[in-house]
Amino acid sequence: MRSFAPDQLRAVRGRELPKTGTITGAKHRERRSEAEKVGRRKYIIKLLHRLEAKIDRVDKRTRVIMASLSEYMDPGKDYLSMVVCRDEVDQAILWELSTATSEGWSTTEISERLLPEFKLNRFQILRRIKRMNKRLEAEMGRMVAESREHRWVMTRYVHRILGATKEEIEEMK
């Protein structure tokens, strides 16, 4: 093995050596990373899908725990509105359902009550109620509202969570 003086830098066989270096065997080539092999964008997308799958598994476990403990506790109003409502239109529909009488309201009546603020027809109201039902069904296994002879009534479970009684509603008006 041949050593060089520390203050010198020489090129040996096309490679430059550090000032204090010695000539050793051939330099070990580093392996390519997964990102270099498949491409950076594909690697990030694959990593994102893997993380989303982990989050979905955690969500499923949480739902199982919530379903098993639902007899002993009720979620709060904030949690219910976070799960069920995606925007202010959903919140307005939920509020209108909570103020409905025991016979319930048809989607036409709900759309007429929401007409000044939101321009929705009865079909859009129906679609939103069904979506809210689907979200709460997936989260807790319960429904927000049920249909009784083409009229929508809030379920007792959601009524209990919201705590809205007729007296409270009349006081708010």
Protein backbone atom coordinates (compact mmCIF):
# COMPACT_ATOMS: atom_id res chain seq x y z
CA MET A 1 0.00 0.00 0.00
CA ARG A 2 1.32 3.37 -0.92
CA SER A 3 0.64 6.45 1.22
CA PHE A 4 0.80 10.08 0.19
CA ALA A 5 1.90 13.18 2.00
CA PRO A 6 -0.96 15.00 3.75
CA ASP A 7 -0.49 18.21 1.81
CA GLN A 8 -0.70 16.53 -1.58
CA LEU A 9 -3.67 15.58 -3.65
CA ARG A 10 -2.97 13.24 -6.52
CA ALA A 11 -5.05 11.52 -9.09
CA VAL A 12 -4.54 7.80 -9.20
CA ARG A 13 -6.26 5.83 -11.94
CA GLY A 14 -8.73 8.64 -12.60
CA ARG A 15 -9.81 8.97 -8.93
CA GLU A 16 -8.83 11.79 -6.65
CA LEU A 17 -7.75 10.86 -3.18
CA PRO A 18 -8.16 12.98 -0.10
CA LYS A 19 -5.08 14.70 1.26
CA THR A 20 -4.62 12.17 4.07
CA GLY A 21 -5.92 9.18 2.15
CA THR A 22 -4.27 6.02 1.10
CA ILE A 23 -4.94 3.90 -1.92
CA THR A 24 -7.33 1.11 -1.04
CA GLY A 25 -9.38 -1.36 -3.01
CA ALA A 26 -12.09 -0.32 -5.44
CA LYS A 27 -14.71 2.03 -4.01
CA HIS A 28 -17.91 0.18 -2.99
CA ARG A 29 -20.81 1.39 -5.08
CA GLU A 30 -23.93 2.43 -3.13
CA ARG A 31 -27.21 0.80 -4.02
CA ARG A 32 -30.03 2.81 -5.52
CA SER A 33 -32.92 3.75 -3.25
CA GLU A 34 -36.47 2.63 -3.96
CA ALA A 35 -37.31 6.20 -5.03
CA GLU A 36 -34.54 6.14 -7.63
CA LYS A 37 -35.64 2.75 -8.93
CA VAL A 38 -39.34 3.45 -9.52
CA GLY A 39 -39.25 7.23 -9.69
CA ARG A 40 -39.80 9.82 -7.01
CA ARG A 41 -43.46 10.52 -7.79
CA LYS A 42 -44.48 6.84 -7.89
CA TYR A 43 -42.58 6.21 -4.67
CA ILE A 44 -44.37 9.07 -2.89
CA ILE A 45 -47.77 7.88 -4.16
CA LYS A 46 -47.03 4.33 -3.00
CA LEU A 47 -45.96 5.64 0.40
CA LEU A 48 -49.11 7.75 0.64
CA HIS A 49 -51.33 4.74 -0.12
CA ARG A 50 -49.54 2.72 2.53
CA LEU A 51 -50.11 5.46 5.12
CA GLU A 52 -53.76 5.84 4.15
CA ALA A 53 -54.26 2.09 4.60
CA LYS A 54 -52.80 2.33 8.10
CA ILE A 55 -55.11 5.23 8.94
CA ASP A 56 -58.10 3.26 7.64
CA ARG A 57 -57.18 0.33 9.89
CA VAL A 58 -56.94 2.65 12.89
CA ASP A 59 -60.32 4.19 11.98
CA LYS A 60 -61.92 0.74 11.80
CA ARG A 61 -60.53 -0.17 15.21
CA THR A 62 -61.83 3.08 16.65
CA ARG A 63 -65.29 2.41 15.17
CA VAL A 64 -65.35 -1.06 16.72
CA ILE A 65 -64.45 0.38 20.11
CA MET A 66 -67.07 3.15 19.76
CA ALA A 67 -69.71 0.63 18.69
CA SER A 68 -69.02 -1.62 21.66
CA LEU A 69 -69.05 1.27 24.13
CA SER A 70 -71.97 3.15 22.58
CA GLU A 71 -74.37 1.72 25.16
CA TYR A 72 -72.40 3.38 27.96
CA MET A 73 -71.68 6.75 26.41
CA ASP A 74 -73.07 9.13 23.82
CA PRO A 75 -70.86 11.33 21.67
CA GLY A 76 -71.20 15.08 21.97
CA LYS A 77 -72.94 17.49 19.65
CA ASP A 78 -69.63 18.60 18.17
CA TYR A 79 -68.61 15.05 17.32
CA LEU A 80 -71.99 14.34 15.73
CA SER A 81 -71.87 17.46 13.57
CA MET A 82 -68.25 16.74 12.61
CA VAL A 83 -69.15 13.24 11.42
CA VAL A 84 -72.47 14.03 9.76
CA CYS A 85 -72.14 17.57 8.39
CA ARG A 86 -69.76 18.46 5.59
CA ASP A 87 -70.84 22.10 5.18
CA GLU A 88 -73.31 24.69 6.44
CA VAL A 89 -76.11 23.27 4.27
CA ASP A 90 -75.88 19.93 6.10
CA GLN A 91 -75.92 21.78 9.42
CA ALA A 92 -79.02 23.72 8.36
CA ILE A 93 -80.78 20.49 7.32
CA LEU A 94 -79.85 18.87 10.63
CA TRP A 95 -81.23 21.90 12.48
CA GLU A 96 -84.48 21.78 10.47
CA LEU A 97 -84.86 18.07 11.21
CA SER A 98 -84.35 18.75 14.91
CA THR A 99 -87.11 21.37 14.89
CA ALA A 100 -89.57 19.10 13.07
CA THR A 101 -92.72 17.82 14.73
CA SER A 102 -93.26 14.17 15.57
CA GLU A 103 -94.81 13.59 12.11
CA GLY A 104 -91.68 14.95 10.46
CA TRP A 105 -91.26 17.10 7.37
CA SER A 106 -91.19 16.24 3.73
CA THR A 107 -88.18 17.22 1.68
CA THR A 108 -90.32 19.85 -0.04
CA GLU A 109 -91.13 21.49 3.30
CA ILE A 110 -87.46 21.45 4.31
CA SER A 111 -86.43 22.98 0.98
CA GLU A 112 -89.07 25.72 1.39
CA ARG A 113 -87.76 26.53 4.87
CA LEU A 114 -84.17 26.70 3.58
CA LEU A 115 -85.07 28.57 0.37
CA PRO A 116 -84.11 32.10 1.43
CA GLU A 117 -80.59 31.06 2.38
CA PHE A 118 -79.91 28.00 0.23
CA LYS A 119 -81.48 27.31 -3.13
CA LEU A 120 -82.02 23.57 -2.93
CA ASN A 121 -84.82 21.52 -4.39
CA ARG A 122 -86.39 18.51 -2.71
CA PHE A 123 -84.18 16.03 -4.54
CA GLN A 124 -81.01 17.71 -3.32
CA ILE A 125 -82.36 17.72 0.25
CA LEU A 126 -83.17 14.02 -0.01
CA ARG A 127 -79.70 13.23 -1.34
CA ARG A 128 -78.04 15.17 1.49
CA ILE A 129 -80.15 13.44 4.16
CA LYS A 130 -79.23 10.05 2.71
CA ARG A 131 -75.53 11.02 2.68
CA MET A 132 -75.73 12.12 6.30
CA ASN A 133 -77.38 8.79 7.16
CA LYS A 134 -74.64 6.94 5.31
CA ARG A 135 -71.86 8.82 7.16
CA LEU A 136 -73.34 8.21 10.59
CA GLU A 137 -74.09 4.58 9.69
CA ALA A 138 -70.46 4.04 8.74
CA GLU A 139 -69.19 5.75 11.89
CA MET A 140 -71.58 4.53 14.58
CA GLY A 141 -74.04 2.13 13.00
CA ARG A 142 -76.96 4.53 13.56
CA MET A 143 -79.04 6.77 11.31
CA VAL A 144 -79.61 10.52 11.53
CA ALA A 145 -83.16 10.52 10.19
CA GLU A 146 -85.70 7.97 9.11
CA SER A 147 -88.45 8.20 6.56
CA ARG A 148 -92.04 7.81 7.70
CA GLU A 149 -94.51 7.97 4.81
CA HIS A 150 -92.32 10.33 2.72
CA ARG A 151 -91.63 12.52 5.76
CA TRP A 152 -88.26 12.66 7.47
CA VAL A 153 -88.00 12.45 11.25
CA MET A 154 -84.83 12.63 13.31
CA THR A 155 -84.08 9.40 15.15
CA ARG A 156 -84.31 9.22 18.93
CA TYR A 157 -80.59 8.55 19.18
CA VAL A 158 -79.65 11.81 17.42
CA HIS A 159 -82.40 13.65 19.29
CA ARG A 160 -80.88 12.46 22.57
CA ILE A 161 -77.40 13.58 21.51
CA LEU A 162 -78.54 17.00 20.36
CA GLY A 163 -80.72 17.35 23.43
CA ALA A 164 -83.25 19.35 21.49
CA THR A 165 -86.69 19.32 23.00
CA LYS A 166 -89.68 21.28 21.78
CA GLU A 167 -89.39 23.69 24.73
CA GLU A 168 -85.72 24.41 23.99
CA ILE A 169 -86.47 25.02 20.33
CA GLU A 170 -89.29 27.42 21.14
CA GLU A 171 -87.03 29.32 23.53
CA MET A 172 -84.39 29.75 20.80
CA LYS A 173 -86.91 31.26 18.39
